[in-house]
Amino acid sequence: MDVLDAFQSELAASTGRLLTTVAGLSDADLAAPSRLPGWTRGHLITHVARNADSLVNLANWARTGIETPQYPSVERRNADIEAGAPRPVKEQLADLEESSARLAAAFRAMPAEAWSAMVGGMQPPLHPAWYLLVRRLRETEFHHVDLGAGYGCSDWSEAFVRRELHDALVSWSRELSTVSEIVVEEVKDGDKHRQVWRDLGSGPVVQGDARTLLGWVTGRSAGAGLRVMQEGATGNQPAAGPLPAPPPWSALPSAPGLPSTPPEEYP
């Protein structure tokens, strides 16, 4: 299975989980606040549906070579979300199913060369079309957590955690950083592994497992269990104070340094 097949299989499973959660909600549940400030669950589900249609636009751009914006405008994007948010769950679920199916069909229709075409989101930079699959997985998985309906960071797959933490850290805002290093600690085949991300800015060192770090970096968890150490510390020195807040996380259209053609694996 190549990376495109793997991403599409992962996306189908992620979409299925999200649809199952939405199908279990009531109209009252949709009117309740989501975990995103100012948005109800209805806003959030509508956004995920309209995001699918917006990525169809970019897939068509890649396939045809005709430049097509992701959304007609920011104002139209926001108006569509507001208009769709109050709908009953039956309509919301059908919309999410149908828009997700349209996107899956658009991906299946992509000829091999189209995956290397450059497309753009609502902000720069342009990125190769294969990264649309990563972007959609980011939408479905993070916003599934944002629904606050029983799906949490612990439900993310290892592949998703590894990929998203990588992209978050290569896109790290050093100007706004509150830490100097992040140490990712993992156990693979019974052995402990450490990956150190250095020169992130000024502040202490934050250490922990990839899943907890991703939740903290993206604002989906408070980071319970992460350790804070002085820069340059080794051994079992005492903690260097409370866990700082990470810089504001904003999923850019793409991570820097992407290969133009689909890689054998990513990251």
Protein backbone atom coordinates (compact mmCIF):
# COMPACT_ATOMS: atom_id res chain seq x y z
CA MET A 1 0.00 0.00 0.00
CA ASP A 2 1.49 3.36 -1.03
CA VAL A 3 1.11 6.53 1.00
CA LEU A 4 -1.92 7.74 -1.00
CA ASP A 5 -3.78 4.49 -0.43
CA ALA A 6 -2.79 4.53 3.24
CA PHE A 7 -4.04 8.10 3.72
CA GLN A 8 -7.33 7.38 1.95
CA SER A 9 -7.88 4.26 4.05
CA GLU A 10 -7.07 6.21 7.22
CA LEU A 11 -9.43 8.98 6.14
CA ALA A 12 -12.29 6.57 5.44
CA ALA A 13 -11.92 5.12 8.94
CA SER A 14 -11.67 8.57 10.54
CA THR A 15 -14.75 9.78 8.69
CA GLY A 16 -16.66 6.69 9.73
CA ARG A 17 -15.87 7.29 13.39
CA LEU A 18 -16.97 10.91 13.14
CA LEU A 19 -20.24 9.97 11.43
CA THR A 20 -20.94 7.41 14.15
CA THR A 21 -20.50 10.06 16.84
CA VAL A 22 -22.73 12.56 15.04
CA ALA A 23 -25.42 9.90 14.49
CA GLY A 24 -25.57 9.43 18.25
CA LEU A 25 -26.28 13.10 18.99
CA SER A 26 -29.67 14.73 19.47
CA ASP A 27 -30.89 18.09 18.23
CA ALA A 28 -30.30 19.45 21.73
CA ASP A 29 -26.74 18.10 21.68
CA LEU A 30 -26.04 20.00 18.47
CA ALA A 31 -27.28 23.24 20.00
CA ALA A 32 -24.89 22.85 22.96
CA PRO A 33 -21.43 24.46 22.97
CA SER A 34 -18.53 22.63 21.37
CA ARG A 35 -15.02 22.86 22.78
CA LEU A 36 -14.25 25.69 20.34
CA PRO A 37 -15.12 29.10 21.80
CA GLY A 38 -18.22 30.65 20.26
CA TRP A 39 -19.23 27.58 18.29
CA THR A 40 -21.99 25.08 19.00
CA ARG A 41 -21.60 21.48 17.89
CA GLY A 42 -23.86 22.46 14.98
CA HIS A 43 -21.33 25.08 13.88
CA LEU A 44 -18.53 22.56 14.10
CA ILE A 45 -20.27 19.82 12.12
CA THR A 46 -21.32 22.30 9.44
CA HIS A 47 -17.74 23.52 9.21
CA VAL A 48 -16.41 19.99 8.70
CA ALA A 49 -18.97 19.40 5.93
CA ARG A 50 -18.16 22.67 4.16
CA ASN A 51 -14.44 21.96 4.54
CA ALA A 52 -14.98 18.73 2.57
CA ASP A 53 -16.58 20.69 -0.26
CA SER A 54 -13.79 23.27 -0.14
CA LEU A 55 -11.18 20.54 -0.57
CA VAL A 56 -13.14 19.19 -3.54
CA ASN A 57 -12.45 22.60 -5.11
CA LEU A 58 -8.72 22.14 -4.56
CA ALA A 59 -8.77 18.56 -5.85
CA ASN A 60 -10.49 19.81 -9.01
CA TRP A 61 -7.82 22.51 -9.34
CA ALA A 62 -5.12 19.84 -9.15
CA ARG A 63 -6.90 17.57 -11.63
CA THR A 64 -7.84 20.19 -14.24
CA GLY A 65 -5.17 22.84 -13.81
CA ILE A 66 -7.88 25.49 -13.49
CA GLU A 67 -7.12 27.58 -10.40
CA THR A 68 -10.07 27.38 -8.02
CA PRO A 69 -10.10 28.98 -4.56
CA GLN A 70 -10.81 26.79 -1.59
CA TYR A 71 -13.66 29.12 -0.53
CA PRO A 72 -15.16 32.01 -2.53
CA SER A 73 -14.29 34.30 0.38
CA VAL A 74 -13.83 34.30 4.13
CA GLU A 75 -17.20 36.02 4.45
CA ARG A 76 -18.96 33.32 2.44
CA ARG A 77 -17.25 30.58 4.46
CA ASN A 78 -18.39 32.12 7.74
CA ALA A 79 -21.93 32.80 6.46
CA ASP A 80 -22.34 29.18 5.33
CA ILE A 81 -21.30 27.93 8.76
CA GLU A 82 -23.73 30.26 10.53
CA ALA A 83 -26.55 29.31 8.19
CA GLY A 84 -25.99 25.58 8.63
CA ALA A 85 -25.39 25.47 12.37
CA PRO A 86 -29.06 25.49 13.56
CA ARG A 87 -30.14 22.55 11.37
CA PRO A 88 -31.45 19.39 13.06
CA VAL A 89 -29.11 16.46 13.47
CA LYS A 90 -30.77 14.46 10.68
CA GLU A 91 -29.90 17.18 8.15
CA GLN A 92 -26.44 17.71 9.59
CA LEU A 93 -25.62 14.01 9.43
CA ALA A 94 -26.83 13.69 5.84
CA ASP A 95 -24.81 16.77 4.84
CA LEU A 96 -21.67 15.42 6.48
CA GLU A 97 -22.12 12.01 4.85
CA GLU A 98 -22.75 13.45 1.39
CA SER A 99 -19.96 16.04 1.48
CA SER A 100 -17.47 13.45 2.74
CA ALA A 101 -18.52 11.10 -0.06
CA ARG A 102 -18.04 13.87 -2.64
CA LEU A 103 -14.53 14.46 -1.36
CA ALA A 104 -13.68 10.76 -1.36
CA ALA A 105 -14.90 10.53 -4.97
CA ALA A 106 -12.81 13.57 -5.95
CA PHE A 107 -9.73 11.92 -4.46
CA ARG A 108 -10.44 8.66 -6.28
CA ALA A 109 -10.74 10.59 -9.57
CA MET A 110 -7.26 12.09 -9.24
CA PRO A 111 -4.82 10.84 -11.90
CA ALA A 112 -1.34 10.06 -10.62
CA GLU A 113 0.24 13.27 -11.93
CA ALA A 114 -2.40 15.47 -10.30
CA TRP A 115 -1.21 14.57 -6.80
CA SER A 116 1.96 16.60 -7.50
CA ALA A 117 0.11 19.71 -8.70
CA MET A 118 0.45 22.78 -6.49
CA VAL A 119 -2.72 24.15 -4.90
CA GLY A 120 -3.43 26.73 -2.22
CA GLY A 121 -5.66 27.21 0.79
CA MET A 122 -6.99 30.44 2.25
CA GLN A 123 -3.47 31.54 3.14
CA PRO A 124 -0.04 30.79 1.67
CA PRO A 125 1.97 28.81 0.92
CA LEU A 126 0.92 26.60 -1.98
CA HIS A 127 1.38 22.90 -1.38
CA PRO A 128 1.31 19.67 -3.42
CA ALA A 129 -2.15 18.17 -3.79
CA TRP A 130 -1.24 14.92 -1.99
CA TYR A 131 -1.15 16.95 1.23
CA LEU A 132 -4.91 17.54 0.93
CA LEU A 133 -5.34 14.08 2.42
CA VAL A 134 -3.30 15.10 5.46
CA ARG A 135 -5.29 18.32 5.80
CA ARG A 136 -8.62 16.50 5.73
CA LEU A 137 -7.46 13.99 8.34
CA ARG A 138 -6.45 16.94 10.51
CA GLU A 139 -9.96 18.37 10.19
CA THR A 140 -11.80 15.15 10.98
CA GLU A 141 -9.62 14.07 13.90
CA PHE A 142 -9.10 17.37 15.71
CA HIS A 143 -12.69 18.51 15.26
CA HIS A 144 -13.98 15.12 16.40
CA VAL A 145 -12.27 15.87 19.71
CA ASP A 146 -13.62 19.43 19.61
CA LEU A 147 -17.19 18.11 19.57
CA GLY A 148 -16.75 17.13 23.22
CA ALA A 149 -18.90 14.07 22.62
CA GLY A 150 -16.77 11.26 23.99
CA TYR A 151 -13.93 11.16 21.45
CA GLY A 152 -10.62 12.30 22.91
CA CYS A 153 -6.89 12.51 22.33
CA SER A 154 -6.54 8.91 23.52
CA ASP A 155 -8.56 7.82 20.47
CA TRP A 156 -6.09 9.21 17.93
CA SER A 157 -4.14 6.61 15.99
CA GLU A 158 -0.38 6.39 16.42
CA ALA A 159 0.09 7.33 12.76
CA PHE A 160 -2.00 10.47 13.19
CA VAL A 161 -0.17 11.47 16.37
CA ARG A 162 3.27 10.98 14.81
CA ARG A 163 2.39 12.92 11.66
CA GLU A 164 0.61 15.82 13.33
CA LEU A 165 3.21 16.30 16.04
CA HIS A 166 5.89 16.37 13.36
CA ASP A 167 4.01 18.98 11.33
CA ALA A 168 3.23 21.07 14.41
CA LEU A 169 6.87 21.15 15.45
CA VAL A 170 8.35 21.88 12.02
CA SER A 171 5.85 24.77 11.84
CA TRP A 172 6.59 25.95 15.39
CA SER A 173 6.39 29.72 15.99
CA ARG A 174 9.78 30.55 17.45
CA GLU A 175 8.87 34.21 17.86
CA LEU A 176 6.01 33.31 20.24
CA SER A 177 7.60 30.24 21.78
CA THR A 178 7.52 29.64 25.53
CA VAL A 179 9.93 26.67 25.44
CA SER A 180 13.44 26.05 24.16
CA GLU A 181 13.18 22.31 23.49
CA ILE A 182 10.58 19.57 23.26
CA VAL A 183 11.65 16.01 23.98
CA VAL A 184 9.40 13.29 22.57
CA GLU A 185 9.70 10.03 24.50
CA GLU A 186 8.35 6.81 23.06
CA VAL A 187 8.63 3.08 23.69
CA LYS A 188 9.04 0.95 20.55
CA ASP A 189 9.45 -2.81 20.70
CA GLY A 190 10.23 -2.52 24.39
CA ASP A 191 13.00 0.05 23.91
CA LYS A 192 12.85 3.70 24.93
CA HIS A 193 13.45 6.31 22.23
CA ARG A 194 13.89 10.07 22.48
CA GLN A 195 13.54 12.67 19.76
CA VAL A 196 14.72 16.16 20.68
CA TRP A 197 13.41 19.27 18.93
CA ARG A 198 15.90 22.04 19.73
CA ASP A 199 16.13 25.80 19.19
CA LEU A 200 12.39 26.33 19.46
CA GLY A 201 12.78 29.62 21.30
CA SER A 202 13.34 30.73 24.90
CA GLY A 203 12.15 28.90 27.99
CA PRO A 204 12.32 25.53 29.67
CA VAL A 205 12.38 22.05 28.14
CA VAL A 206 9.12 20.09 27.93
CA GLN A 207 9.29 16.30 27.89
CA GLY A 208 6.65 13.64 27.43
CA ASP A 209 5.00 11.12 25.15
CA ALA A 210 3.91 12.09 21.64
CA ARG A 211 0.17 11.82 22.27
CA THR A 212 0.19 14.07 25.32
CA LEU A 213 2.49 16.54 23.59
CA LEU A 214 0.21 16.74 20.56
CA GLY A 215 -2.82 17.40 22.74
CA TRP A 216 -0.96 20.15 24.59
CA VAL A 217 0.61 21.75 21.49
CA THR A 218 -2.75 21.96 19.69
CA GLY A 219 -4.76 23.09 22.72
CA ARG A 220 -6.77 19.85 22.92
CA SER A 221 -5.49 18.97 26.40
CA ALA A 222 -3.85 20.64 29.39
CA GLY A 223 -0.76 18.44 29.00
CA ALA A 224 -1.14 16.51 32.27
CA GLY A 225 1.88 14.28 32.71
CA LEU A 226 4.34 16.38 30.72
CA ARG A 227 7.55 17.29 32.55
CA VAL A 228 9.19 20.71 32.62
CA MET A 229 12.97 20.91 32.96
CA GLN A 230 15.58 23.67 32.84
CA GLU A 231 17.31 24.06 29.49
CA GLY A 232 20.46 21.94 29.48
CA ALA A 233 19.39 19.87 32.49
CA THR A 234 20.25 16.17 32.65
CA GLY A 235 19.27 13.44 35.07
CA ASN A 236 16.53 13.81 37.69
CA GLN A 237 16.62 17.51 38.44
CA PRO A 238 13.48 19.02 39.98
CA ALA A 239 10.85 20.50 37.72
CA ALA A 240 11.57 23.99 36.40
CA GLY A 241 8.15 25.34 37.24
CA PRO A 242 4.64 24.88 35.89
CA LEU A 243 3.95 23.78 32.33
CA PRO A 244 3.91 26.91 30.17
CA ALA A 245 1.21 27.56 27.61
CA PRO A 246 2.39 26.71 24.08
CA PRO A 247 2.34 29.40 21.42
CA PRO A 248 -1.03 29.72 19.67
CA TRP A 249 -1.52 26.73 17.41
CA SER A 250 -2.84 27.38 13.96
CA ALA A 251 -2.85 24.64 11.34
CA LEU A 252 -1.15 26.23 8.34
CA PRO A 253 -2.19 24.95 4.92
CA SER A 254 0.99 22.89 4.83
CA ALA A 255 4.15 22.06 6.67
CA PRO A 256 7.37 23.51 5.22
CA GLY A 257 9.66 21.42 3.04
CA LEU A 258 7.08 19.06 1.56
CA PRO A 259 8.22 16.97 -1.42
CA SER A 260 6.34 17.77 -4.60
CA THR A 261 5.61 14.13 -5.37
CA PRO A 262 3.90 11.80 -2.89
CA PRO A 263 6.64 10.33 -0.68
CA GLU A 264 6.91 6.64 0.11
CA GLU A 265 5.82 7.55 3.64
CA TYR A 266 5.12 10.72 5.57
CA PRO A 267 6.56 11.99 7.79
